[in-house]
PDB file of all heavy atoms in Angstrom:
ATOM      1  N   GLN A   1     102.122  95.977  90.509  1.00  0.00           N
ATOM      2  CA  GLN A   1     102.527  95.674  89.144  1.00  0.00           C
ATOM      3  C   GLN A   1     101.358  95.969  88.210  1.00  0.00           C
ATOM      4  O   GLN A   1     100.411  95.178  88.130  1.00  0.00           O
ATOM      5  CB  GLN A   1     102.974  94.218  89.016  1.00  0.00           C
ATOM      6  CG  GLN A   1     103.594  93.898  87.672  1.00  0.00           C
ATOM      7  CD  GLN A   1     104.364  92.590  87.690  1.00  0.00           C
ATOM      8  OE1 GLN A   1     104.263  91.802  88.632  1.00  0.00           O
ATOM      9  NE2 GLN A   1     105.152  92.362  86.665  1.00  0.00           N
ATOM     10  N   PRO A   2     101.415  97.107  87.497  1.00  0.00           N
ATOM     11  CA  PRO A   2     100.366  97.425  86.526  1.00  0.00           C
ATOM     12  C   PRO A   2     100.406  96.464  85.348  1.00  0.00           C
ATOM     13  O   PRO A   2     101.438  95.824  85.092  1.00  0.00           O
ATOM     14  CB  PRO A   2     100.712  98.851  86.090  1.00  0.00           C
ATOM     15  CG  PRO A   2     101.646  99.374  87.137  1.00  0.00           C
ATOM     16  CD  PRO A   2     102.409  98.172  87.601  1.00  0.00           C
ATOM     17  N   PRO A   3      99.322  96.371  84.590  1.00  0.00           N
ATOM     18  CA  PRO A   3      99.309  95.480  83.424  1.00  0.00           C
ATOM     19  C   PRO A   3     100.424  95.833  82.446  1.00  0.00           C
ATOM     20  O   PRO A   3     100.587  96.991  82.063  1.00  0.00           O
ATOM     21  CB  PRO A   3      97.933  95.730  82.808  1.00  0.00           C
ATOM     22  CG  PRO A   3      97.095  96.226  83.941  1.00  0.00           C
ATOM     23  CD  PRO A   3      98.030  97.039  84.792  1.00  0.00           C
ATOM     24  N   GLY A   4     101.207  94.837  82.060  1.00  0.00           N
ATOM     25  CA  GLY A   4     102.253  95.036  81.078  1.00  0.00           C
ATOM     26  C   GLY A   4     103.479  95.786  81.555  1.00  0.00           C
ATOM     27  O   GLY A   4     104.337  96.122  80.741  1.00  0.00           O
ATOM     28  N   LYS A   5     103.584  96.052  82.854  1.00  0.00           N
ATOM     29  CA  LYS A   5     104.711  96.803  83.383  1.00  0.00           C
ATOM     30  C   LYS A   5     105.424  96.038  84.486  1.00  0.00           C
ATOM     31  O   LYS A   5     104.933  95.020  84.978  1.00  0.00           O
ATOM     32  CB  LYS A   5     104.244  98.162  83.904  1.00  0.00           C
ATOM     33  CG  LYS A   5     103.665  99.066  82.835  1.00  0.00           C
ATOM     34  CD  LYS A   5     103.355 100.446  83.384  1.00  0.00           C
ATOM     35  CE  LYS A   5     102.854 101.365  82.293  1.00  0.00           C
ATOM     36  NZ  LYS A   5     102.569 102.724  82.809  1.00  0.00           N
ATOM     37  N   GLU A   6     106.597  96.541  84.874  1.00  0.00           N
ATOM     38  CA  GLU A   6     107.383  95.906  85.919  1.00  0.00           C
ATOM     39  C   GLU A   6     106.840  96.263  87.297  1.00  0.00           C
ATOM     40  O   GLU A   6     106.162  97.277  87.482  1.00  0.00           O
ATOM     41  CB  GLU A   6     108.843  96.341  85.810  1.00  0.00           C
ATOM     42  CG  GLU A   6     109.534  95.909  84.525  1.00  0.00           C
ATOM     43  CD  GLU A   6     109.620  94.404  84.406  1.00  0.00           C
ATOM     44  OE1 GLU A   6     109.945  93.737  85.408  1.00  0.00           O
ATOM     45  OE2 GLU A   6     109.358  93.890  83.310  1.00  0.00           O
ATOM     46  N   ARG A   7     107.157  95.416  88.261  1.00  0.00           N
ATOM     47  CA  ARG A   7     106.754  95.664  89.633  1.00  0.00           C
ATOM     48  C   ARG A   7     107.462  96.899  90.174  1.00  0.00           C
ATOM     49  O   ARG A   7     108.648  97.108  89.934  1.00  0.00           O
ATOM     50  CB  ARG A   7     107.074  94.441  90.491  1.00  0.00           C
ATOM     51  CG  ARG A   7     106.418  94.435  91.853  1.00  0.00           C
ATOM     52  CD  ARG A   7     106.536  93.060  92.504  1.00  0.00           C
ATOM     53  NE  ARG A   7     105.887  92.032  91.704  1.00  0.00           N
ATOM     54  CZ  ARG A   7     105.765  90.762  92.078  1.00  0.00           C
ATOM     55  NH1 ARG A   7     106.250  90.360  93.248  1.00  0.00           N
ATOM     56  NH2 ARG A   7     105.173  89.896  91.281  1.00  0.00           N
ATOM     57  N   GLU A   8     106.725  97.727  90.919  1.00  0.00           N
ATOM     58  CA  GLU A   8     107.280  98.951  91.457  1.00  0.00           C
ATOM     59  C   GLU A   8     106.903  99.122  92.925  1.00  0.00           C
ATOM     60  O   GLU A   8     105.854  98.658  93.384  1.00  0.00           O
ATOM     61  CB  GLU A   8     106.786 100.160  90.656  1.00  0.00           C
ATOM     62  CG  GLU A   8     105.284 100.374  90.730  1.00  0.00           C
ATOM     63  CD  GLU A   8     104.807 101.538  89.884  1.00  0.00           C
ATOM     64  OE1 GLU A   8     105.587 102.040  89.049  1.00  0.00           O
ATOM     65  OE2 GLU A   8     103.637 101.949  90.045  1.00  0.00           O
ATOM     66  N   GLY A   9     107.773  99.809  93.655  1.00  0.00           N
ATOM     67  CA  GLY A   9     107.537 100.049  95.064  1.00  0.00           C
ATOM     68  C   GLY A   9     106.465 101.095  95.295  1.00  0.00           C
ATOM     69  O   GLY A   9     106.338 102.055  94.535  1.00  0.00           O
ATOM     70  N   VAL A  10     105.701 100.918  96.363  1.00  0.00           N
ATOM     71  CA  VAL A  10     104.640 101.847  96.737  1.00  0.00           C
ATOM     72  C   VAL A  10     104.949 102.506  98.076  1.00  0.00           C
ATOM     73  O   VAL A  10     104.964 103.732  98.192  1.00  0.00           O
ATOM     74  CB  VAL A  10     103.279 101.137  96.800  1.00  0.00           C
ATOM     75  CG1 VAL A  10     102.197 102.086  97.307  1.00  0.00           C
ATOM     76  CG2 VAL A  10     102.908 100.572  95.431  1.00  0.00           C
ATOM     77  N   ALA A  11     105.181 101.694  99.109  1.00  0.00           N
ATOM     78  CA  ALA A  11     105.421 102.217 100.445  1.00  0.00           C
ATOM     79  C   ALA A  11     106.107 101.159 101.287  1.00  0.00           C
ATOM     80  O   ALA A  11     105.962  99.965 101.036  1.00  0.00           O
ATOM     81  CB  ALA A  11     104.110 102.647 101.102  1.00  0.00           C
ATOM     82  N   SER A  12     106.838 101.599 102.302  1.00  0.00           N
ATOM     83  CA  SER A  12     107.487 100.685 103.233  1.00  0.00           C
ATOM     84  C   SER A  12     107.267 101.153 104.656  1.00  0.00           C
ATOM     85  O   SER A  12     106.949 102.319 104.904  1.00  0.00           O
ATOM     86  CB  SER A  12     108.986 100.565 102.943  1.00  0.00           C
ATOM     87  OG  SER A  12     109.671 101.746 103.332  1.00  0.00           O
ATOM     88  N   ILE A  13     107.469 100.237 105.598  1.00  0.00           N
ATOM     89  CA  ILE A  13     107.369 100.562 107.008  1.00  0.00           C
ATOM     90  C   ILE A  13     108.324  99.692 107.806  1.00  0.00           C
ATOM     91  O   ILE A  13     108.499  98.510 107.496  1.00  0.00           O
ATOM     92  CB  ILE A  13     105.914 100.399 107.519  1.00  0.00           C
ATOM     93  CG1 ILE A  13     105.781 100.903 108.957  1.00  0.00           C
ATOM     94  CG2 ILE A  13     105.443  98.953 107.399  1.00  0.00           C
ATOM     95  CD1 ILE A  13     104.325 101.026 109.414  1.00  0.00           C
ATOM     96  N   TRP A  14     108.951 100.284 108.812  1.00  0.00           N
ATOM     97  CA  TRP A  14     109.744  99.541 109.772  1.00  0.00           C
ATOM     98  C   TRP A  14     108.859  99.339 110.996  1.00  0.00           C
ATOM     99  O   TRP A  14     108.590 100.299 111.732  1.00  0.00           O
ATOM    100  CB  TRP A  14     111.019 100.293 110.134  1.00  0.00           C
ATOM    101  CG  TRP A  14     111.894  99.570 111.108  1.00  0.00           C
ATOM    102  CD1 TRP A  14     112.047  98.227 111.231  1.00  0.00           C
ATOM    103  CD2 TRP A  14     112.746 100.163 112.095  1.00  0.00           C
ATOM    104  NE1 TRP A  14     112.938  97.934 112.237  1.00  0.00           N
ATOM    105  CE2 TRP A  14     113.380  99.106 112.787  1.00  0.00           C
ATOM    106  CE3 TRP A  14     113.038 101.471 112.465  1.00  0.00           C
ATOM    107  CZ2 TRP A  14     114.285  99.323 113.825  1.00  0.00           C
ATOM    108  CZ3 TRP A  14     113.944 101.698 113.490  1.00  0.00           C
ATOM    109  CH2 TRP A  14     114.561 100.629 114.158  1.00  0.00           C
ATOM    110  N   PRO A  15     108.377  98.131 111.241  1.00  0.00           N
ATOM    111  CA  PRO A  15     107.405  97.910 112.320  1.00  0.00           C
ATOM    112  C   PRO A  15     107.883  98.342 113.697  1.00  0.00           C
ATOM    113  O   PRO A  15     107.072  98.791 114.511  1.00  0.00           O
ATOM    114  CB  PRO A  15     107.177  96.395 112.273  1.00  0.00           C
ATOM    115  CG  PRO A  15     107.440  96.036 110.849  1.00  0.00           C
ATOM    116  CD  PRO A  15     108.586  96.935 110.440  1.00  0.00           C
ATOM    117  N   ALA A  16     109.172  98.226 113.977  1.00  0.00           N
ATOM    118  CA  ALA A  16     109.682  98.542 115.302  1.00  0.00           C
ATOM    119  C   ALA A  16     109.467 100.000 115.685  1.00  0.00           C
ATOM    120  O   ALA A  16     109.276 100.306 116.863  1.00  0.00           O
ATOM    121  CB  ALA A  16     111.163  98.186 115.389  1.00  0.00           C
ATOM    122  N   ALA A  17     109.508 100.887 114.712  1.00  0.00           N
ATOM    123  CA  ALA A  17     109.409 102.312 114.991  1.00  0.00           C
ATOM    124  C   ALA A  17     108.277 103.003 114.250  1.00  0.00           C
ATOM    125  O   ALA A  17     107.989 104.168 114.531  1.00  0.00           O
ATOM    126  CB  ALA A  17     110.730 103.002 114.660  1.00  0.00           C
ATOM    127  N   GLY A  18     107.654 102.325 113.301  1.00  0.00           N
ATOM    128  CA  GLY A  18     106.601 102.939 112.525  1.00  0.00           C
ATOM    129  C   GLY A  18     107.094 103.902 111.463  1.00  0.00           C
ATOM    130  O   GLY A  18     106.293 104.664 110.909  1.00  0.00           O
ATOM    131  N   GLU A  19     108.385 103.889 111.170  1.00  0.00           N
ATOM    132  CA  GLU A  19     108.927 104.764 110.137  1.00  0.00           C
ATOM    133  C   GLU A  19     108.475 104.303 108.759  1.00  0.00           C
ATOM    134  O   GLU A  19     108.504 103.104 108.462  1.00  0.00           O
ATOM    135  CB  GLU A  19     110.457 104.785 110.207  1.00  0.00           C
ATOM    136  CG  GLU A  19     110.990 105.365 111.508  1.00  0.00           C
ATOM    137  CD  GLU A  19     112.502 105.353 111.576  1.00  0.00           C
ATOM    138  OE1 GLU A  19     113.140 104.729 110.706  1.00  0.00           O
ATOM    139  OE2 GLU A  19     113.052 105.976 112.504  1.00  0.00           O
ATOM    140  N   THR A  20     108.077 105.238 107.919  1.00  0.00           N
ATOM    141  CA  THR A  20     107.530 104.917 106.608  1.00  0.00           C
ATOM    142  C   THR A  20     108.228 105.677 105.497  1.00  0.00           C
ATOM    143  O   THR A  20     108.796 106.749 105.714  1.00  0.00           O
ATOM    144  CB  THR A  20     106.032 105.229 106.542  1.00  0.00           C
ATOM    145  OG1 THR A  20     105.820 106.619 106.804  1.00  0.00           O
ATOM    146  CG2 THR A  20     105.262 104.414 107.575  1.00  0.00           C
ATOM    147  N   THR A  21     108.177 105.115 104.298  1.00  0.00           N
ATOM    148  CA  THR A  21     108.624 105.785 103.086  1.00  0.00           C
ATOM    149  C   THR A  21     107.586 105.545 102.002  1.00  0.00           C
ATOM    150  O   THR A  21     106.859 104.552 102.031  1.00  0.00           O
ATOM    151  CB  THR A  21     109.995 105.285 102.604  1.00  0.00           C
ATOM    152  OG1 THR A  21     109.905 103.896 102.244  1.00  0.00           O
ATOM    153  CG2 THR A  21     111.051 105.452 103.686  1.00  0.00           C
ATOM    154  N   TYR A  22     107.541 106.459 101.013  1.00  0.00           N
ATOM    155  CA  TYR A  22     106.559 106.375  99.946  1.00  0.00           C
ATOM    156  C   TYR A  22     107.185 106.694  98.604  1.00  0.00           C
ATOM    157  O   TYR A  22     108.092 107.521  98.504  1.00  0.00           O
ATOM    158  CB  TYR A  22     105.412 107.357 100.183  1.00  0.00           C
ATOM    159  CG  TYR A  22     104.599 107.060 101.411  1.00  0.00           C
ATOM    160  CD1 TYR A  22     104.929 107.625 102.635  1.00  0.00           C
ATOM    161  CD2 TYR A  22     103.498 106.212 101.352  1.00  0.00           C
ATOM    162  CE1 TYR A  22     104.194 107.347 103.769  1.00  0.00           C
ATOM    163  CE2 TYR A  22     102.753 105.932 102.485  1.00  0.00           C
ATOM    164  CZ  TYR A  22     103.105 106.506 103.693  1.00  0.00           C
ATOM    165  OH  TYR A  22     102.369 106.234 104.818  1.00  0.00           O
ATOM    166  N   ALA A  23     106.673 106.044  97.578  1.00  0.00           N
ATOM    167  CA  ALA A  23     107.016 106.433  96.228  1.00  0.00           C
ATOM    168  C   ALA A  23     106.392 107.789  95.931  1.00  0.00           C
ATOM    169  O   ALA A  23     105.310 108.118  96.429  1.00  0.00           O
ATOM    170  CB  ALA A  23     106.513 105.397  95.231  1.00  0.00           C
ATOM    171  N   SER A  24     107.064 108.571  95.112  1.00  0.00           N
ATOM    172  CA  SER A  24     106.567 109.913  94.813  1.00  0.00           C
ATOM    173  C   SER A  24     105.192 109.889  94.153  1.00  0.00           C
ATOM    174  O   SER A  24     104.395 110.819  94.328  1.00  0.00           O
ATOM    175  CB  SER A  24     107.561 110.659  93.924  1.00  0.00           C
ATOM    176  OG  SER A  24     107.766 109.976  92.699  1.00  0.00           O
ATOM    177  N   SER A  25     104.892 108.835  93.423  1.00  0.00           N
ATOM    178  CA  SER A  25     103.629 108.742  92.710  1.00  0.00           C
ATOM    179  C   SER A  25     102.416 108.583  93.622  1.00  0.00           C
ATOM    180  O   SER A  25     101.289 108.840  93.195  1.00  0.00           O
ATOM    181  CB  SER A  25     103.670 107.574  91.716  1.00  0.00           C
ATOM    182  OG  SER A  25     103.906 106.352  92.385  1.00  0.00           O
ATOM    183  N   VAL A  26     102.641 108.161  94.864  1.00  0.00           N
ATOM    184  CA  VAL A  26     101.521 107.934  95.781  1.00  0.00           C
ATOM    185  C   VAL A  26     101.591 108.790  97.031  1.00  0.00           C
ATOM    186  O   VAL A  26     100.627 108.815  97.816  1.00  0.00           O
ATOM    187  CB  VAL A  26     101.417 106.452  96.188  1.00  0.00           C
ATOM    188  CG1 VAL A  26     101.359 105.561  94.957  1.00  0.00           C
ATOM    189  CG2 VAL A  26     102.579 106.048  97.090  1.00  0.00           C
ATOM    190  N   LYS A  27     102.684 109.485  97.239  1.00  0.00           N
ATOM    191  CA  LYS A  27     102.850 110.295  98.444  1.00  0.00           C
ATOM    192  C   LYS A  27     101.735 111.336  98.532  1.00  0.00           C
ATOM    193  O   LYS A  27     101.452 112.047  97.573  1.00  0.00           O
ATOM    194  CB  LYS A  27     104.210 110.977  98.437  1.00  0.00           C
ATOM    195  CG  LYS A  27     104.591 111.626  99.763  1.00  0.00           C
ATOM    196  CD  LYS A  27     106.004 112.166  99.715  1.00  0.00           C
ATOM    197  CE  LYS A  27     106.416 112.787 101.043  1.00  0.00           C
ATOM    198  NZ  LYS A  27     106.470 111.760 102.127  1.00  0.00           N
ATOM    199  N   GLY A  28     101.113 111.402  99.688  1.00  0.00           N
ATOM    200  CA  GLY A  28     100.001 112.310  99.895  1.00  0.00           C
ATOM    201  C   GLY A  28      98.650 111.691  99.615  1.00  0.00           C
ATOM    202  O   GLY A  28      97.622 112.245 100.028  1.00  0.00           O
ATOM    203  N   ARG A  29      98.626 110.564  98.906  1.00  0.00           N
ATOM    204  CA  ARG A  29      97.372 109.876  98.599  1.00  0.00           C
ATOM    205  C   ARG A  29      97.249 108.541  99.333  1.00  0.00           C
ATOM    206  O   ARG A  29      96.145 108.147  99.706  1.00  0.00           O
ATOM    207  CB  ARG A  29      97.239 109.620  97.100  1.00  0.00           C
ATOM    208  CG  ARG A  29      97.190 110.890  96.258  1.00  0.00           C
ATOM    209  CD  ARG A  29      96.828 110.566  94.804  1.00  0.00           C
ATOM    210  NE  ARG A  29      97.805 109.684  94.178  1.00  0.00           N
ATOM    211  CZ  ARG A  29      97.515 108.491  93.653  1.00  0.00           C
ATOM    212  NH1 ARG A  29      96.266 108.030  93.678  1.00  0.00           N
ATOM    213  NH2 ARG A  29      98.471 107.768  93.081  1.00  0.00           N
ATOM    214  N   PHE A  30      98.369 107.845  99.504  1.00  0.00           N
ATOM    215  CA  PHE A  30      98.381 106.535 100.158  1.00  0.00           C
ATOM    216  C   PHE A  30      99.029 106.637 101.530  1.00  0.00           C
ATOM    217  O   PHE A  30      99.929 107.455 101.753  1.00  0.00           O
ATOM    218  CB  PHE A  30      99.182 105.518  99.330  1.00  0.00           C
ATOM    219  CG  PHE A  30      98.555 105.121  98.024  1.00  0.00           C
ATOM    220  CD1 PHE A  30      97.465 105.795  97.495  1.00  0.00           C
ATOM    221  CD2 PHE A  30      99.085 104.044  97.318  1.00  0.00           C
ATOM    222  CE1 PHE A  30      96.901 105.416  96.281  1.00  0.00           C
ATOM    223  CE2 PHE A  30      98.530 103.657  96.110  1.00  0.00           C
ATOM    224  CZ  PHE A  30      97.446 104.340  95.593  1.00  0.00           C
ATOM    225  N   THR A  31      98.592 105.775 102.440  1.00  0.00           N
ATOM    226  CA  THR A  31      99.167 105.713 103.774  1.00  0.00           C
ATOM    227  C   THR A  31      99.377 104.259 104.175  1.00  0.00           C
ATOM    228  O   THR A  31      98.443 103.459 104.110  1.00  0.00           O
ATOM    229  CB  THR A  31      98.263 106.392 104.817  1.00  0.00           C
ATOM    230  OG1 THR A  31      98.028 107.761 104.447  1.00  0.00           O
ATOM    231  CG2 THR A  31      98.912 106.359 106.198  1.00  0.00           C
ATOM    232  N   VAL A  32     100.597 103.925 104.584  1.00  0.00           N
ATOM    233  CA  VAL A  32     100.894 102.582 105.068  1.00  0.00           C
ATOM    234  C   VAL A  32     100.911 102.609 106.595  1.00  0.00           C
ATOM    235  O   VAL A  32     101.408 103.562 107.201  1.00  0.00           O
ATOM    236  CB  VAL A  32     102.233 102.066 104.509  1.00  0.00           C
ATOM    237  CG1 VAL A  32     103.413 102.921 104.969  1.00  0.00           C
ATOM    238  CG2 VAL A  32     102.448 100.609 104.883  1.00  0.00           C
ATOM    239  N   SER A  33     100.373 101.573 107.213  1.00  0.00           N
ATOM    240  CA  SER A  33     100.310 101.524 108.665  1.00  0.00           C
ATOM    241  C   SER A  33     100.208 100.083 109.123  1.00  0.00           C
ATOM    242  O   SER A  33     100.077  99.162 108.319  1.00  0.00           O
ATOM    243  CB  SER A  33      99.123 102.334 109.191  1.00  0.00           C
ATOM    244  OG  SER A  33      97.898 101.790 108.732  1.00  0.00           O
ATOM    245  N   GLN A  34     100.255  99.889 110.445  1.00  0.00           N
ATOM    246  CA  GLN A  34     100.106  98.579 111.060  1.00  0.00           C
ATOM    247  C   GLN A  34      99.180  98.665 112.251  1.00  0.00           C
ATOM    248  O   GLN A  34      99.054  99.721 112.879  1.00  0.00           O
ATOM    249  CB  GLN A  34     101.452  98.035 111.535  1.00  0.00           C
ATOM    250  CG  GLN A  34     102.200  97.191 110.535  1.00  0.00           C
ATOM    251  CD  GLN A  34     103.336  96.445 111.194  1.00  0.00           C
ATOM    252  OE1 GLN A  34     104.182  97.055 111.845  1.00  0.00           O
ATOM    253  NE2 GLN A  34     103.357  95.136 111.037  1.00  0.00           N
ATOM    254  N   ASP A  35      98.552  97.550 112.585  1.00  0.00           N
ATOM    255  CA  ASP A  35      97.787  97.479 113.814  1.00  0.00           C
ATOM    256  C   ASP A  35      98.750  97.426 114.994  1.00  0.00           C
ATOM    257  O   ASP A  35      99.937  97.158 114.831  1.00  0.00           O
ATOM    258  CB  ASP A  35      96.856  96.260 113.801  1.00  0.00           C
ATOM    259  CG  ASP A  35      97.621  94.952 113.860  1.00  0.00           C
ATOM    260  OD1 ASP A  35      98.658  94.821 113.178  1.00  0.00           O
ATOM    261  OD2 ASP A  35      97.175  94.043 114.587  1.00  0.00           O
ATOM    262  N   SER A  36      98.233  97.667 116.182  1.00  0.00           N
ATOM    263  CA  SER A  36      99.096  97.732 117.361  1.00  0.00           C
ATOM    264  C   SER A  36      99.793  96.417 117.662  1.00  0.00           C
ATOM    265  O   SER A  36     100.886  96.404 118.238  1.00  0.00           O
ATOM    266  CB  SER A  36      98.286  98.183 118.585  1.00  0.00           C
ATOM    267  OG  SER A  36      97.219  97.280 118.848  1.00  0.00           O
TER     268      SER A  36
END
């Protein structure tokens, strides 16, 4: 949530399979992951 703006999605992950999705604004720059 940037200052003065609404909350927005960045990235998601399904822990069971490690499948991820990203917002277009961060794709290629951010990486979501989990420990083993």
